[in-house]
N, C-alpha and C. Protein backbone atom coordinates (compact mmCIF):
# COMPACT_ATOMS: atom_id res chain seq x y z
N MET A 1 -2.79 -17.13 -12.57
CA MET A 1 -2.90 -16.40 -11.20
C MET A 1 -3.80 -15.33 -11.26
N LEU A 2 -4.63 -15.05 -10.49
CA LEU A 2 -5.61 -14.22 -10.32
C LEU A 2 -5.09 -12.88 -10.08
N ASP A 3 -4.87 -11.74 -10.73
CA ASP A 3 -4.74 -10.58 -10.96
C ASP A 3 -5.48 -9.54 -11.45
N TYR A 4 -6.08 -8.71 -10.23
CA TYR A 4 -7.11 -7.74 -10.34
C TYR A 4 -7.05 -6.70 -11.32
N ARG A 5 -5.38 -6.51 -11.34
CA ARG A 5 -5.31 -5.34 -12.00
C ARG A 5 -5.49 -5.49 -13.55
N GLU A 6 -5.51 -6.66 -14.03
CA GLU A 6 -5.77 -6.95 -15.54
C GLU A 6 -7.44 -6.35 -15.75
N PHE A 7 -8.17 -6.26 -14.98
CA PHE A 7 -9.59 -5.77 -15.20
C PHE A 7 -9.77 -4.37 -15.20
N ARG A 8 -10.43 -3.99 -16.56
CA ARG A 8 -10.81 -2.45 -16.87
C ARG A 8 -11.88 -1.97 -15.75
N ILE A 9 -11.33 -1.06 -15.01
CA ILE A 9 -12.40 -0.66 -14.04
C ILE A 9 -13.37 0.46 -14.91
N VAL A 10 -14.58 0.06 -14.95
CA VAL A 10 -15.66 0.95 -15.57
C VAL A 10 -16.87 1.53 -14.96
N HIS A 11 -16.75 2.68 -14.31
CA HIS A 11 -18.13 3.16 -13.46
C HIS A 11 -19.24 3.50 -14.17
N SER A 12 -20.48 3.24 -13.69
CA SER A 12 -21.55 3.39 -14.17
C SER A 12 -21.73 5.07 -14.27
N GLU A 13 -22.97 5.40 -14.97
CA GLU A 13 -22.86 6.66 -15.37
C GLU A 13 -22.72 7.70 -14.25
N ILE A 14 -21.82 8.62 -14.63
CA ILE A 14 -21.56 9.89 -13.64
C ILE A 14 -21.65 11.08 -14.19
N ARG A 15 -22.60 11.57 -14.00
CA ARG A 15 -22.88 13.23 -14.27
C ARG A 15 -23.29 12.68 -15.88
N GLY A 16 -23.88 11.83 -16.41
CA GLY A 16 -24.50 11.79 -17.64
C GLY A 16 -23.56 11.11 -18.42
N GLY A 17 -22.40 10.62 -18.13
CA GLY A 17 -21.67 10.15 -19.17
C GLY A 17 -20.88 8.84 -18.53
N LEU A 18 -20.24 7.90 -19.28
CA LEU A 18 -19.50 6.57 -18.46
C LEU A 18 -17.92 7.45 -18.61
N VAL A 19 -17.49 7.04 -17.46
CA VAL A 19 -16.32 7.43 -17.01
C VAL A 19 -15.23 6.02 -16.86
N ASP A 20 -14.14 5.61 -17.53
CA ASP A 20 -13.57 5.05 -17.33
C ASP A 20 -12.58 5.33 -15.90
N GLY A 21 -12.02 4.32 -15.17
CA GLY A 21 -10.93 4.40 -14.24
C GLY A 21 -9.97 5.37 -14.32
N HIS A 22 -9.30 5.17 -15.36
CA HIS A 22 -7.90 6.09 -15.78
C HIS A 22 -8.36 7.63 -15.86
N GLU A 23 -9.48 7.66 -16.64
CA GLU A 23 -9.89 9.26 -17.07
C GLU A 23 -10.77 9.96 -15.67
N TYR A 24 -11.07 9.01 -14.95
CA TYR A 24 -11.65 9.64 -13.46
C TYR A 24 -10.70 9.93 -12.65
N ARG A 25 -9.67 8.95 -12.63
CA ARG A 25 -8.67 9.38 -11.95
C ARG A 25 -7.57 10.87 -12.13
N ASP A 26 -7.60 10.97 -13.70
CA ASP A 26 -6.82 11.97 -14.11
C ASP A 26 -7.50 13.28 -13.74
N ARG A 27 -8.95 13.27 -13.54
CA ARG A 27 -9.56 14.44 -13.44
C ARG A 27 -9.76 14.64 -11.93
N ILE A 28 -9.76 13.57 -11.09
CA ILE A 28 -9.63 13.84 -9.66
C ILE A 28 -8.03 14.56 -9.45
N VAL A 29 -7.04 13.80 -9.92
CA VAL A 29 -5.71 14.66 -9.68
C VAL A 29 -5.69 16.03 -10.10
N GLY A 30 -6.18 16.13 -11.42
CA GLY A 30 -6.24 17.50 -11.97
C GLY A 30 -6.65 18.51 -10.78
N GLU A 31 -7.69 18.22 -10.32
CA GLU A 31 -8.70 18.92 -9.33
C GLU A 31 -8.11 19.22 -7.93
N LEU A 32 -7.11 18.15 -7.52
CA LEU A 32 -6.58 18.09 -6.38
C LEU A 32 -5.23 18.85 -6.74
N GLY A 33 -4.61 18.92 -7.54
CA GLY A 33 -3.59 19.76 -8.08
C GLY A 33 -4.07 21.41 -8.03
N ASP A 34 -5.13 21.57 -8.63
CA ASP A 34 -5.71 23.09 -8.37
C ASP A 34 -5.99 23.38 -7.01
N MET A 35 -6.79 22.68 -6.45
CA MET A 35 -6.80 22.70 -4.90
C MET A 35 -5.29 23.12 -4.17
N ALA A 36 -4.45 22.16 -4.45
CA ALA A 36 -2.89 22.29 -3.98
C ALA A 36 -2.39 23.89 -4.27
N ASN A 37 -2.48 24.10 -5.51
CA ASN A 37 -1.75 25.20 -5.93
C ASN A 37 -2.58 26.84 -5.75
N SER A 38 -4.16 26.59 -5.26
CA SER A 38 -4.65 27.52 -5.10
C SER A 38 -4.42 27.97 -3.64
N GLY A 39 -4.18 27.23 -2.75
CA GLY A 39 -3.75 27.01 -1.40
C GLY A 39 -5.15 26.82 -0.69
N GLY A 40 -5.74 26.06 -1.11
CA GLY A 40 -6.88 25.33 -0.25
C GLY A 40 -8.24 25.00 -1.08
N THR A 41 -9.19 24.77 -0.63
CA THR A 41 -10.40 24.28 -1.15
C THR A 41 -11.15 25.62 -1.85
N GLN A 42 -11.85 25.03 -2.68
CA GLN A 42 -12.88 26.28 -3.04
C GLN A 42 -13.31 27.39 -2.29
N GLY A 43 -12.90 28.52 -2.03
CA GLY A 43 -13.12 29.79 -1.14
C GLY A 43 -12.92 29.47 0.13
N ALA A 44 -12.04 28.13 0.55
CA ALA A 44 -11.73 27.95 1.96
C ALA A 44 -10.31 28.48 1.90
N PRO A 45 -9.92 29.44 3.07
CA PRO A 45 -8.70 29.83 3.23
C PRO A 45 -7.52 28.67 3.46
N GLY A 46 -6.37 28.95 2.86
CA GLY A 46 -5.13 27.19 3.14
C GLY A 46 -4.93 27.55 4.55
N GLY A 47 -4.34 26.18 4.79
CA GLY A 47 -4.34 25.82 6.21
C GLY A 47 -2.62 25.91 6.19
N SER A 48 -2.15 25.40 7.51
CA SER A 48 -0.72 25.32 7.58
C SER A 48 -0.65 24.05 8.90
N PHE A 49 0.30 23.36 9.05
CA PHE A 49 0.81 22.62 9.75
C PHE A 49 2.22 22.23 9.94
N ALA A 50 2.71 21.75 11.03
CA ALA A 50 4.30 21.87 11.02
C ALA A 50 4.58 20.61 11.92
N PHE A 51 5.44 19.83 11.62
CA PHE A 51 5.98 18.56 12.39
C PHE A 51 7.60 18.98 12.97
N THR A 52 7.60 18.61 14.48
CA THR A 52 8.81 18.41 15.01
C THR A 52 9.54 17.42 14.86
N GLU A 53 10.95 17.21 14.77
CA GLU A 53 11.74 16.10 14.53
C GLU A 53 11.17 15.15 15.33
N SER A 54 10.66 14.60 16.38
CA SER A 54 10.23 13.88 16.97
C SER A 54 8.76 13.28 16.40
N ASP A 55 8.34 14.23 15.96
CA ASP A 55 6.87 13.90 15.24
C ASP A 55 7.22 13.16 13.98
N ILE A 56 8.21 13.38 13.09
CA ILE A 56 8.54 12.99 12.08
C ILE A 56 9.21 11.40 12.10
N ARG A 57 10.24 11.15 13.34
CA ARG A 57 10.70 10.29 13.68
C ARG A 57 9.43 9.08 14.14
N LYS A 58 8.52 9.50 14.75
CA LYS A 58 7.62 8.63 14.89
C LYS A 58 6.45 8.15 13.58
N VAL A 59 6.41 8.96 12.74
CA VAL A 59 5.68 8.66 11.47
C VAL A 59 6.63 7.81 10.60
N VAL A 60 7.95 7.94 10.81
CA VAL A 60 8.89 6.85 10.05
C VAL A 60 8.40 5.55 10.81
N ASP A 61 8.76 5.56 11.97
CA ASP A 61 8.60 4.53 12.83
C ASP A 61 7.38 3.42 12.78
N ASN A 62 6.42 4.47 12.75
CA ASN A 62 5.02 3.85 12.40
C ASN A 62 4.56 3.01 11.13
N TRP A 63 5.40 3.96 10.03
CA TRP A 63 5.27 3.20 8.91
C TRP A 63 6.06 1.69 8.58
N MET A 64 7.41 2.09 9.35
CA MET A 64 8.24 0.75 9.23
C MET A 64 7.63 -0.49 10.35
N GLY A 65 7.13 -0.03 11.08
CA GLY A 65 6.41 -1.19 11.83
C GLY A 65 5.20 -1.92 11.52
N ILE A 66 4.36 -0.96 10.51
CA ILE A 66 3.33 -1.72 9.74
C ILE A 66 3.91 -2.25 8.76
N ALA A 67 4.74 -1.75 7.89
CA ALA A 67 5.74 -2.84 6.84
C ALA A 67 5.97 -4.05 7.63
N ASP A 68 6.79 -3.94 8.75
CA ASP A 68 7.19 -5.58 9.10
C ASP A 68 6.13 -6.27 9.64
N SER A 69 5.21 -5.75 10.06
CA SER A 69 3.73 -6.33 10.36
C SER A 69 3.34 -7.18 9.18
N TYR A 70 3.40 -6.50 7.82
CA TYR A 70 2.98 -7.01 6.48
C TYR A 70 3.96 -8.23 6.06
N ALA A 71 5.23 -8.13 6.60
CA ALA A 71 6.33 -8.89 6.16
C ALA A 71 6.20 -10.10 7.04
N ARG A 72 5.93 -9.92 8.33
CA ARG A 72 5.77 -11.20 9.11
C ARG A 72 4.49 -11.99 8.79
N SER A 73 3.33 -11.35 8.41
CA SER A 73 2.04 -12.06 7.90
C SER A 73 2.31 -12.81 6.73
N LEU A 74 3.28 -12.26 5.88
CA LEU A 74 3.75 -12.83 4.53
C LEU A 74 4.41 -14.28 4.75
N ASP A 75 5.30 -14.34 5.88
CA ASP A 75 6.13 -15.31 5.88
C ASP A 75 5.15 -16.36 6.65
N LYS A 76 3.94 -16.00 7.31
CA LYS A 76 2.95 -16.94 7.84
C LYS A 76 1.93 -17.69 6.79
N ILE A 77 2.12 -17.22 5.89
CA ILE A 77 1.01 -17.79 4.65
C ILE A 77 1.50 -18.58 3.75
N ASN A 78 2.65 -18.98 3.86
CA ASN A 78 3.40 -20.03 2.95
C ASN A 78 2.59 -21.08 2.77
N ASP A 79 1.92 -21.60 3.76
CA ASP A 79 0.96 -22.93 3.52
C ASP A 79 -0.26 -22.59 2.94
N ALA A 80 -0.52 -21.20 2.73
CA ALA A 80 -1.89 -21.01 1.77
C ALA A 80 -1.67 -21.23 0.25
N THR A 81 -0.51 -21.20 -0.28
CA THR A 81 -0.56 -21.16 -1.58
C THR A 81 0.14 -22.59 -1.84
N ALA A 82 0.10 -23.74 -1.20
CA ALA A 82 0.45 -25.01 -1.40
C ALA A 82 -0.79 -25.84 -0.85
N ILE A 83 -1.92 -25.82 -1.14
CA ILE A 83 -2.85 -26.67 -0.66
C ILE A 83 -3.13 -27.85 -1.97
N ASP A 84 -3.32 -28.76 -0.99
CA ASP A 84 -3.60 -30.26 -1.90
C ASP A 84 -4.96 -30.69 -1.79
N GLY A 85 -6.06 -30.93 -2.84
CA GLY A 85 -7.22 -31.59 -2.85
C GLY A 85 -7.36 -32.73 -1.63
N PRO A 86 -8.08 -32.69 -1.05
CA PRO A 86 -8.45 -33.78 -0.04
C PRO A 86 -8.60 -35.22 -0.99
N GLY A 87 -8.98 -35.10 -1.98
CA GLY A 87 -9.70 -36.34 -2.72
C GLY A 87 -9.02 -36.27 -4.16
N LEU A 88 -9.36 -37.42 -4.85
CA LEU A 88 -8.74 -37.27 -6.30
C LEU A 88 -9.57 -37.15 -7.17
N ASP A 89 -10.62 -36.35 -6.80
CA ASP A 89 -11.88 -36.35 -8.09
C ASP A 89 -11.47 -34.83 -8.30
N TYR A 90 -12.31 -34.29 -9.33
CA TYR A 90 -12.30 -33.10 -10.07
C TYR A 90 -12.55 -31.89 -9.01
N ALA A 91 -13.65 -32.22 -8.23
CA ALA A 91 -13.98 -31.26 -7.23
C ALA A 91 -12.73 -30.79 -6.24
N SER A 92 -12.31 -31.79 -5.73
CA SER A 92 -11.08 -31.48 -4.84
C SER A 92 -9.90 -30.82 -5.49
N ASP A 93 -9.56 -30.99 -6.45
CA ASP A 93 -8.61 -30.43 -7.44
C ASP A 93 -9.21 -28.96 -7.66
N SER A 94 -10.38 -28.86 -8.04
CA SER A 94 -10.95 -27.46 -8.31
C SER A 94 -10.70 -26.63 -6.91
N PHE A 95 -11.44 -27.16 -5.95
CA PHE A 95 -11.34 -26.42 -4.65
C PHE A 95 -9.69 -25.85 -4.40
N ALA A 96 -8.74 -27.13 -4.22
CA ALA A 96 -7.59 -26.56 -4.33
C ALA A 96 -6.62 -25.71 -5.04
N ASN A 97 -6.82 -25.74 -6.23
CA ASN A 97 -6.74 -24.63 -7.10
C ASN A 97 -7.29 -23.45 -6.64
N THR A 98 -8.40 -23.23 -6.37
CA THR A 98 -9.16 -21.97 -6.27
C THR A 98 -8.22 -21.36 -4.93
N ALA A 99 -8.24 -22.42 -3.87
CA ALA A 99 -7.42 -21.88 -2.78
C ALA A 99 -6.22 -21.32 -3.00
N ASN A 100 -5.37 -22.00 -3.67
CA ASN A 100 -4.01 -21.55 -4.04
C ASN A 100 -3.92 -20.17 -4.75
N LEU A 101 -5.05 -19.80 -5.40
CA LEU A 101 -5.10 -18.49 -6.43
C LEU A 101 -5.54 -17.52 -4.99
N SER A 102 -6.34 -17.88 -4.14
CA SER A 102 -6.70 -16.77 -3.05
C SER A 102 -5.51 -16.60 -2.43
N GLY A 103 -4.42 -17.70 -2.18
CA GLY A 103 -3.50 -17.53 -1.27
C GLY A 103 -2.22 -16.54 -1.80
N LYS A 104 -2.55 -17.12 -3.10
CA LYS A 104 -1.19 -16.02 -4.06
C LYS A 104 -1.79 -14.60 -3.95
N ALA A 105 -3.13 -14.31 -4.11
CA ALA A 105 -3.71 -12.88 -4.26
C ALA A 105 -3.62 -12.38 -2.58
N LEU A 106 -3.64 -13.12 -1.72
CA LEU A 106 -3.39 -12.57 -0.47
C LEU A 106 -1.98 -12.18 -0.42
N SER A 107 -1.10 -13.20 -0.82
CA SER A 107 0.25 -12.79 -0.66
C SER A 107 0.79 -11.72 -1.53
N GLN A 108 0.27 -11.43 -2.52
CA GLN A 108 0.83 -10.31 -3.47
C GLN A 108 0.00 -9.06 -2.80
N HIS A 109 -1.02 -9.21 -1.96
CA HIS A 109 -1.61 -8.05 -1.46
C HIS A 109 -0.68 -7.75 -0.57
N LEU A 110 -0.05 -8.55 0.34
CA LEU A 110 0.95 -8.21 1.33
C LEU A 110 2.06 -7.87 1.05
N VAL A 111 2.54 -8.08 -0.18
CA VAL A 111 3.78 -7.81 -0.83
C VAL A 111 3.53 -6.26 -1.29
N THR A 112 2.54 -5.94 -1.69
CA THR A 112 2.36 -4.56 -2.41
C THR A 112 2.13 -3.84 -1.04
N GLY A 113 1.30 -3.98 -0.10
CA GLY A 113 0.97 -3.39 1.43
C GLY A 113 2.36 -2.94 1.89
N ARG A 114 3.33 -4.07 1.97
CA ARG A 114 4.62 -3.79 2.71
C ARG A 114 5.53 -2.66 1.64
N GLU A 115 5.35 -2.87 0.40
CA GLU A 115 6.08 -2.02 -0.20
C GLU A 115 5.68 -0.47 -0.33
N TYR A 116 4.36 -0.39 0.00
CA TYR A 116 3.67 0.95 0.08
C TYR A 116 4.16 1.51 1.30
N CYS A 117 4.31 0.94 2.34
CA CYS A 117 4.51 1.15 3.97
C CYS A 117 6.00 1.45 3.74
N LEU A 118 6.88 0.70 3.24
CA LEU A 118 8.18 1.26 2.94
C LEU A 118 8.57 2.42 2.18
N ASP A 119 7.65 2.65 1.02
CA ASP A 119 7.80 4.06 0.44
C ASP A 119 7.17 5.17 1.13
N GLN A 120 6.31 4.88 1.94
CA GLN A 120 5.83 5.93 2.76
C GLN A 120 6.70 6.11 3.97
N ALA A 121 7.50 5.42 4.72
CA ALA A 121 8.61 5.35 5.61
C ALA A 121 9.61 6.31 4.87
N GLN A 122 9.86 5.90 3.59
CA GLN A 122 10.93 6.82 3.00
C GLN A 122 10.92 8.05 2.76
N LEU A 123 9.50 8.41 2.54
CA LEU A 123 9.38 9.75 2.26
C LEU A 123 9.59 10.52 3.51
N ALA A 124 9.04 10.01 4.45
CA ALA A 124 9.08 10.44 5.78
C ALA A 124 10.35 10.80 6.20
N GLN A 125 11.23 9.51 6.09
CA GLN A 125 12.86 9.51 6.21
C GLN A 125 13.55 10.82 5.68
N ASN A 126 12.95 11.17 4.27
CA ASN A 126 13.84 11.84 3.60
C ASN A 126 13.52 13.30 3.81
N ALA A 127 11.96 13.48 4.50
CA ALA A 127 11.81 15.05 4.98
C ALA A 127 12.48 15.16 6.20
N LEU A 128 12.71 13.88 7.10
CA LEU A 128 13.46 14.04 8.39
C LEU A 128 14.97 14.66 8.11
N ASP A 129 15.25 14.02 7.05
CA ASP A 129 16.95 13.85 6.73
C ASP A 129 16.96 15.37 6.16
N ASP A 130 16.09 15.82 5.51
CA ASP A 130 16.21 17.23 5.01
C ASP A 130 16.29 18.06 6.08
N TYR A 131 15.23 17.97 6.90
CA TYR A 131 15.02 18.70 8.05
C TYR A 131 16.39 18.91 8.97
N LEU A 132 17.13 17.83 9.03
CA LEU A 132 18.18 17.57 9.67
C LEU A 132 19.44 17.96 9.09
N GLY A 133 19.51 18.36 7.70
CA GLY A 133 20.44 18.74 7.06
C GLY A 133 21.38 17.56 6.77
N VAL A 134 20.99 16.31 6.57
CA VAL A 134 21.75 15.17 6.69
C VAL A 134 21.61 14.47 5.29
N GLU A 135 22.32 13.45 4.96
CA GLU A 135 22.57 12.46 4.05
C GLU A 135 21.30 11.56 4.07
N HIS A 136 20.35 11.54 2.90
CA HIS A 136 19.11 10.56 3.18
C HIS A 136 19.64 9.00 3.40
N THR A 137 18.75 8.54 4.13
CA THR A 137 19.04 7.09 4.87
C THR A 137 17.96 6.34 4.24
N ASN A 138 18.38 5.10 3.93
CA ASN A 138 17.49 4.03 2.98
C ASN A 138 16.88 3.37 4.14
N VAL A 139 15.40 3.60 4.23
CA VAL A 139 14.85 2.73 5.10
C VAL A 139 14.75 1.22 4.84
N ARG A 140 14.66 0.81 3.59
CA ARG A 140 14.98 -0.62 3.42
C ARG A 140 16.08 -1.29 3.88
N GLU A 141 17.07 -0.65 4.14
CA GLU A 141 18.04 -1.25 4.69
C GLU A 141 17.97 -1.38 6.26
N ILE A 142 17.23 -0.30 6.69
CA ILE A 142 16.93 -0.29 8.46
C ILE A 142 16.20 -1.35 8.41
N ALA A 143 14.96 -1.70 7.30
CA ALA A 143 13.92 -2.85 7.75
C ALA A 143 14.78 -4.38 7.51
N LYS A 144 15.77 -4.21 6.93
CA LYS A 144 16.38 -5.60 6.94
C LYS A 144 17.44 -6.05 8.13
N THR A 145 17.58 -4.80 9.04
CA THR A 145 18.48 -5.06 10.38
C THR A 145 17.46 -5.16 11.62
N GLN A 146 16.06 -4.66 11.24
CA GLN A 146 15.38 -4.42 12.61
C GLN A 146 14.44 -5.59 12.68
N GLN A 147 14.09 -5.66 14.01
CA GLN A 147 12.65 -6.68 14.17
C GLN A 147 11.80 -5.72 14.87
N ALA A 148 10.71 -5.52 14.36
CA ALA A 148 9.38 -4.78 14.74
C ALA A 148 8.91 -5.52 15.99
N PRO A 149 8.30 -5.00 16.81
CA PRO A 149 7.42 -5.63 17.84
C PRO A 149 5.92 -6.01 17.52
N HIS A 150 5.33 -5.92 16.53
CA HIS A 150 4.01 -6.14 16.19
C HIS A 150 3.76 -7.52 15.59
N PRO A 151 2.88 -7.90 15.69
CA PRO A 151 2.55 -9.47 15.28
C PRO A 151 2.12 -8.97 13.68
N GLY A 152 2.11 -10.04 12.86
CA GLY A 152 1.54 -9.97 11.68
C GLY A 152 0.07 -9.39 11.54
N ILE A 153 -0.04 -8.82 10.17
CA ILE A 153 -1.55 -8.35 9.88
C ILE A 153 -2.61 -9.21 9.97
């Protein structure tokens, strides 16, 4: 099965040296942490923002809607992972295998996208629950019982 995460990402020369994806990411995370702890970007004053209860609910609903759209798209691609070649020759079999791998990669992308959206919805729901002073609600349980109005992605 095709798994893009198995390939090590190596960027070309960046400021005089080779930097692999993990070291580069760690440097960026560190710099972002420094900016967050200093209250802003270099020399810029720190900003602020506020959400109302209805704003946070809308954020949760939007993430849940996108997650549901990923789920419906996932339901629609079952045939994309079960393709048979049109003939009995090697080329037909090879094209079918490649198409199936592509379908599996799409399936994995949709699963990952849905999980990411549910995680973001959970973070927003936790913030809302903390704001309201109530016990945290599990958005995955909500997702099982809801039907979102959006077509698939």
